[in-house]
Amino acid sequence: MNVPAIPSDIRERVVSAANTLYEQAGRETFPTVDQVRRTAKVDMNAASAVMREWRRQQTVQAAPVAVTIPEGVQLAHSQALAALWMQAQELANESLRTAQTAWETERTELDAMRQEMATAYETQATELEATQERATEIQHAADAAAEGYTKELAAVREQLAAATTRAERAEARVAEIEKRADGLQGELTRAHQDADQVRAELETLRKDSAAEIERLRSELAGVRAKAEAAEEAHQAQRKTAAAEAHRAAELLTKAQAERDTARQQAGEAREGAAKLAGQLEAVQSQNAALLATLKQGQK
């Protein structure tokens, strides 16, 4: 008997699985519906429907009773009608017993199939319950993971907001430092200009001092010459020359002192310029450190 509601490809898979399992069992026991369903990977309804047909085909059906007169009857045609009737009744009973045997066999197979289907359904129900429990566990785990991800995302957002605030403050600080650096750069430029001016003035003073010293030396030499020339002539002139020489020495000492003062002022100007340069370098280092911190925060 065919089952039209089942597609041919599914029917072929079920029949192939049943034949394979039957051969693996040495053709001694029929495979269960659940075994065939698992092997063929079909639903229980299709497996049970095709398996009923397959088992029916494997069962030996009762042979129909021959309608021709048996040879024994033909040979005993001369015997009494009672003997003929007994022979016919025996044949009818044999056919009945054969049909009853086939029916009992089919009923046994059907009972076995019902038991197999009940067992298979219970197995499927157990598997479904286990699958549902597993799905519930997975859902709970997913919910917990989603909650954890949500909290982690909130924490990351807070960290990002804090980092953004720090970055904005750092940018403001950098702008302030750059502004101060520009001011210090201007002061350093002015200091360099002042130092250049001091150096120029010092050079002019040095030249003037050198010229004055040279002039005083010339005068001192002239005075000494005059003093030496007039020493023999008059003692008073000699004293006067000595006094003039002493005055010239004092002028020379004063010029040297002014030169030393100018040198000291130039040294102080150089120290001021170096100090300003150090301050500028410190500000630039601080600016670079803040920029590096800002870049790390943004990462």
Protein backbone atom coordinates (compact mmCIF):
# COMPACT_ATOMS: atom_id res chain seq x y z
CA MET A 1 0.00 0.00 0.00
CA ASN A 2 1.37 3.43 -0.94
CA VAL A 3 1.29 6.52 1.24
CA PRO A 4 0.72 9.41 -1.21
CA ALA A 5 1.30 12.14 1.34
CA ILE A 6 5.02 11.23 1.67
CA PRO A 7 7.42 12.55 -1.01
CA SER A 8 9.29 9.94 -3.03
CA ASP A 9 12.76 11.11 -1.92
CA ILE A 10 11.81 10.76 1.76
CA ARG A 11 10.26 7.33 1.05
CA GLU A 12 13.47 6.20 -0.66
CA ARG A 13 15.60 7.41 2.24
CA VAL A 14 13.43 5.55 4.78
CA VAL A 15 13.40 2.32 2.72
CA SER A 16 17.16 2.54 2.15
CA ALA A 17 17.80 3.10 5.87
CA ALA A 18 15.49 0.19 6.82
CA ASN A 19 17.17 -2.20 4.35
CA THR A 20 20.64 -1.17 5.55
CA LEU A 21 19.77 -1.66 9.23
CA TYR A 22 17.98 -4.95 8.45
CA GLU A 23 21.07 -6.25 6.64
CA GLN A 24 23.33 -5.08 9.50
CA ALA A 25 21.14 -7.11 11.92
CA GLY A 26 21.65 -10.24 9.79
CA ARG A 27 18.04 -10.11 8.61
CA GLU A 28 17.05 -11.55 12.00
CA THR A 29 15.19 -8.59 13.54
CA PHE A 30 13.47 -5.65 11.96
CA PRO A 31 14.96 -2.19 12.76
CA THR A 32 12.89 0.06 15.00
CA VAL A 33 11.08 3.11 13.69
CA ASP A 34 13.30 5.40 15.77
CA GLN A 35 16.47 3.82 14.38
CA VAL A 36 15.22 4.29 10.83
CA ARG A 37 14.11 7.88 11.60
CA ARG A 38 17.53 8.79 12.95
CA THR A 39 19.39 7.13 10.08
CA ALA A 40 17.16 8.59 7.35
CA LYS A 41 16.90 11.96 9.17
CA VAL A 42 13.12 12.26 8.63
CA ASP A 43 10.19 13.02 10.92
CA MET A 44 8.40 10.35 12.95
CA ASN A 45 5.18 10.39 10.90
CA ALA A 46 6.97 9.67 7.61
CA ALA A 47 9.18 7.01 9.20
CA SER A 48 6.27 5.14 10.83
CA ALA A 49 4.07 5.26 7.69
CA VAL A 50 6.78 3.96 5.34
CA MET A 51 7.94 1.39 7.91
CA ARG A 52 4.43 -0.11 8.10
CA GLU A 53 4.50 -0.63 4.36
CA TRP A 54 8.08 -1.95 4.43
CA ARG A 55 7.35 -4.47 7.21
CA ARG A 56 4.21 -5.64 5.44
CA GLN A 57 6.30 -6.31 2.36
CA GLN A 58 8.78 -8.34 4.42
CA THR A 59 6.03 -10.49 5.99
CA VAL A 60 5.17 -13.68 4.17
CA GLN A 61 1.53 -13.48 3.16
CA ALA A 62 -0.78 -16.52 3.35
CA ALA A 63 -1.04 -18.33 0.02
CA PRO A 64 -4.53 -18.43 -1.39
CA VAL A 65 -6.32 -21.84 -1.38
CA ALA A 66 -6.15 -23.61 -4.71
CA VAL A 67 -9.51 -23.78 -6.44
CA THR A 68 -8.69 -26.90 -8.45
CA ILE A 69 -9.66 -30.27 -7.14
CA PRO A 70 -6.71 -31.90 -5.45
CA GLU A 71 -5.25 -35.07 -6.89
CA GLY A 72 -6.28 -37.04 -3.80
CA VAL A 73 -9.87 -36.06 -4.36
CA GLN A 74 -9.69 -37.12 -8.00
CA LEU A 75 -8.22 -40.48 -6.97
CA ALA A 76 -10.89 -40.96 -4.31
CA HIS A 77 -13.80 -40.04 -6.54
CA SER A 78 -15.12 -43.47 -6.08
CA GLN A 79 -15.13 -43.22 -2.31
CA ALA A 80 -17.95 -41.97 -0.29
CA LEU A 81 -19.07 -38.34 -0.24
CA ALA A 82 -18.16 -38.14 3.42
CA ALA A 83 -14.51 -38.85 2.69
CA LEU A 84 -14.53 -36.14 -0.02
CA TRP A 85 -16.09 -33.67 2.36
CA MET A 86 -13.51 -34.40 5.05
CA GLN A 87 -10.71 -33.78 2.57
CA ALA A 88 -12.24 -30.47 1.49
CA GLN A 89 -12.82 -29.41 5.10
CA GLU A 90 -9.21 -30.20 5.98
CA LEU A 91 -7.99 -28.04 3.13
CA ALA A 92 -10.26 -25.18 4.19
CA ASN A 93 -9.06 -25.41 7.78
CA GLU A 94 -5.43 -25.38 6.64
CA SER A 95 -6.09 -22.21 4.62
CA LEU A 96 -7.80 -20.67 7.64
CA ARG A 97 -4.89 -21.53 9.90
CA THR A 98 -2.49 -20.02 7.39
CA ALA A 99 -4.53 -16.80 7.24
CA GLN A 100 -4.78 -16.67 11.03
CA THR A 101 -1.01 -17.11 11.32
CA ALA A 102 -0.40 -14.26 8.88
CA TRP A 103 -2.91 -12.09 10.72
CA GLU A 104 -1.34 -12.86 14.09
CA THR A 105 2.08 -12.10 12.67
CA GLU A 106 0.91 -8.77 11.25
CA ARG A 107 -0.87 -7.90 14.51
CA THR A 108 2.31 -8.70 16.45
CA GLU A 109 4.31 -6.52 14.08
CA LEU A 110 1.79 -3.70 14.46
CA ASP A 111 1.93 -3.97 18.25
CA ALA A 112 5.71 -3.91 18.10
CA MET A 113 5.59 -0.86 15.84
CA ARG A 114 3.18 0.90 18.22
CA GLN A 115 5.52 0.16 21.10
CA GLU A 116 8.49 1.34 19.09
CA MET A 117 6.64 4.52 18.13
CA ALA A 118 5.66 5.15 21.76
CA THR A 119 9.28 4.62 22.83
CA ALA A 120 10.49 6.85 20.01
CA TYR A 121 8.01 9.58 20.92
CA GLU A 122 9.11 9.38 24.56
CA THR A 123 12.73 9.59 23.43
CA GLN A 124 11.90 12.58 21.25
CA ALA A 125 10.02 14.22 24.12
CA THR A 126 13.01 13.68 26.42
CA GLU A 127 15.36 15.07 23.79
CA LEU A 128 13.03 18.01 23.19
CA GLU A 129 12.84 18.73 26.91
CA ALA A 130 16.64 18.53 27.20
CA THR A 131 16.95 20.79 24.16
CA GLN A 132 14.49 23.28 25.66
CA GLU A 133 16.41 23.24 28.96
CA ARG A 134 19.65 23.76 27.07
CA ALA A 135 18.05 26.59 25.08
CA THR A 136 16.85 28.14 28.35
CA GLU A 137 20.36 27.89 29.81
CA ILE A 138 21.82 29.42 26.65
CA GLN A 139 19.21 32.20 26.77
CA HIS A 140 20.05 32.91 30.43
CA ALA A 141 23.75 32.90 29.60
CA ALA A 142 23.08 35.21 26.65
CA ASP A 143 21.05 37.55 28.86
CA ALA A 144 23.81 37.57 31.48
CA ALA A 145 26.41 38.20 28.79
CA ALA A 146 24.29 40.98 27.29
CA GLU A 147 23.91 42.55 30.74
CA GLY A 148 27.66 42.28 31.27
CA TYR A 149 28.31 43.80 27.85
CA THR A 150 25.87 46.61 28.66
CA LYS A 151 27.65 47.37 31.93
CA GLU A 152 31.03 47.15 30.24
CA LEU A 153 29.83 49.45 27.46
CA ALA A 154 28.55 51.94 30.07
CA ALA A 155 31.90 51.80 31.86
CA VAL A 156 33.74 52.31 28.57
CA ARG A 157 31.49 55.25 27.77
CA GLU A 158 32.23 56.77 31.18
CA GLN A 159 35.94 56.25 30.62
CA LEU A 160 35.61 57.79 27.16
CA ALA A 161 33.77 60.81 28.62
CA ALA A 162 36.44 61.17 31.31
CA ALA A 163 39.19 60.83 28.69
CA THR A 164 37.44 63.43 26.53
CA THR A 165 37.26 65.80 29.50
CA ARG A 166 40.93 65.22 30.25
CA ALA A 167 41.76 65.76 26.60
CA GLU A 168 39.84 69.05 26.53
CA ARG A 169 41.60 70.18 29.69
CA ALA A 170 44.93 69.10 28.27
CA GLU A 171 44.22 71.00 25.05
CA ALA A 172 43.38 74.11 27.07
CA ARG A 173 46.55 73.60 29.09
CA VAL A 174 48.57 73.15 25.91
CA ALA A 175 47.07 76.34 24.48
CA GLU A 176 47.97 78.18 27.67
CA ILE A 177 51.48 76.76 27.65
CA GLU A 178 51.90 77.62 23.99
CA LYS A 179 50.76 81.14 24.78
CA ARG A 180 53.26 81.35 27.63
CA ALA A 181 55.91 79.84 25.38
CA ASP A 182 55.21 82.51 22.78
CA GLY A 183 55.57 85.15 25.52
CA LEU A 184 58.82 83.61 26.75
CA GLN A 185 60.02 83.37 23.18
CA GLY A 186 59.36 87.09 22.81
CA GLU A 187 61.17 87.77 26.08
CA LEU A 188 64.05 85.59 24.95
CA THR A 189 64.18 87.46 21.65
CA ARG A 190 64.24 90.75 23.51
CA ALA A 191 66.90 89.36 25.84
CA HIS A 192 68.98 88.36 22.84
CA GLN A 193 68.48 91.82 21.39
CA ASP A 194 69.45 93.40 24.74
CA ALA A 195 72.49 91.12 24.92
CA ASP A 196 73.46 92.11 21.39
CA GLN A 197 73.06 95.74 22.32
CA VAL A 198 75.11 95.23 25.48
CA ARG A 199 77.76 93.43 23.47
CA ALA A 200 77.79 96.27 20.96
CA GLU A 201 78.04 98.83 23.75
CA LEU A 202 80.74 96.75 25.42
CA GLU A 203 82.66 96.57 22.18
CA THR A 204 82.33 100.32 21.72
CA LEU A 205 83.40 100.87 25.34
CA ARG A 206 86.29 98.47 24.87
CA LYS A 207 87.41 100.33 21.80
CA ASP A 208 87.01 103.66 23.55
CA SER A 209 88.82 102.37 26.60
CA ALA A 210 91.60 100.99 24.47
CA ALA A 211 91.92 104.30 22.66
CA GLU A 212 91.83 106.19 25.95
CA ILE A 213 94.42 103.86 27.47
CA GLU A 214 96.59 104.25 24.43
CA ARG A 215 96.21 108.00 24.61
CA LEU A 216 97.00 107.98 28.31
CA ARG A 217 100.00 105.80 27.71
CA SER A 218 101.16 108.22 25.07
CA GLU A 219 100.59 111.08 27.45
CA LEU A 220 102.31 109.17 30.24
CA ALA A 221 105.23 108.49 27.99
CA GLY A 222 105.37 112.18 27.04
CA VAL A 223 105.07 113.20 30.65
CA ARG A 224 107.79 110.79 31.65
CA ALA A 225 109.94 112.06 28.83
CA LYS A 226 109.34 115.62 29.87
CA ALA A 227 109.91 114.70 33.48
CA GLU A 228 113.14 112.95 32.72
CA ALA A 229 114.25 115.90 30.54
CA ALA A 230 113.28 118.43 33.15
CA GLU A 231 114.50 116.37 36.15
CA GLU A 232 117.93 117.68 35.87
CA ALA A 233 116.66 121.22 35.32
CA HIS A 234 114.35 121.56 38.22
CA GLN A 235 113.17 119.40 41.12
CA ALA A 236 109.74 121.05 41.23
CA GLN A 237 109.02 120.19 37.66
CA ARG A 238 109.92 116.66 38.55
CA LYS A 239 107.31 116.57 41.30
CA THR A 240 104.77 118.04 38.93
CA ALA A 241 105.53 115.38 36.35
CA ALA A 242 105.21 112.71 39.05
CA ALA A 243 101.85 114.14 40.02
CA GLU A 244 100.71 114.13 36.42
CA ALA A 245 101.98 110.59 36.06
CA HIS A 246 100.02 109.60 39.15
CA ARG A 247 96.89 111.25 37.72
CA ALA A 248 97.40 109.45 34.44
CA ALA A 249 97.74 106.15 36.36
CA GLU A 250 94.51 106.86 38.18
CA LEU A 251 92.79 107.55 34.86
CA LEU A 252 94.18 104.30 33.54
CA THR A 253 92.91 102.42 36.60
CA LYS A 254 89.49 104.05 36.22
CA ALA A 255 89.33 103.07 32.55
CA GLN A 256 90.25 99.50 33.41
CA ALA A 257 87.57 99.47 36.14
CA GLU A 258 84.99 100.73 33.65
CA ARG A 259 86.06 98.03 31.23
CA ASP A 260 85.65 95.34 33.94
CA THR A 261 82.22 96.72 34.79
CA ALA A 262 81.20 96.54 31.15
CA ARG A 263 82.44 92.95 30.99
CA GLN A 264 80.45 92.06 34.10
CA GLN A 265 77.31 93.60 32.60
CA ALA A 266 77.85 91.61 29.42
CA GLY A 267 78.24 88.41 31.48
CA GLU A 268 75.02 89.13 33.36
CA ALA A 269 73.25 89.73 30.07
CA ARG A 270 74.51 86.37 28.79
CA GLU A 271 73.34 84.64 31.99
CA GLY A 272 69.90 86.24 31.59
CA ALA A 273 69.69 85.03 28.01
CA ALA A 274 70.75 81.51 29.04
CA LYS A 275 68.13 81.50 31.84
CA LEU A 276 65.42 82.52 29.41
CA ALA A 277 66.56 79.84 26.97
CA GLY A 278 66.34 77.23 29.77
CA GLN A 279 62.84 78.37 30.65
CA LEU A 280 61.82 78.08 26.99
CA GLU A 281 63.25 74.55 26.77
CA ALA A 282 61.39 73.54 29.96
CA VAL A 283 58.12 74.89 28.57
CA GLN A 284 58.68 73.08 25.27
CA SER A 285 59.41 69.78 27.13
CA GLN A 286 56.25 70.23 29.22
CA ASN A 287 54.26 70.93 26.06
CA ALA A 288 55.62 67.76 24.38
CA ALA A 289 54.77 65.65 27.48
CA LEU A 290 51.22 66.99 27.55
CA LEU A 291 50.77 66.28 23.84
CA ALA A 292 52.04 62.70 24.34
CA THR A 293 49.62 62.21 27.27
CA LEU A 294 46.76 63.56 25.15
CA LYS A 295 47.54 61.13 22.31
CA GLN A 296 47.70 58.15 24.72
CA GLY A 297 44.32 59.17 26.23
CA GLN A 298 42.72 59.35 22.80
CA LYS A 299 43.95 55.85 21.96
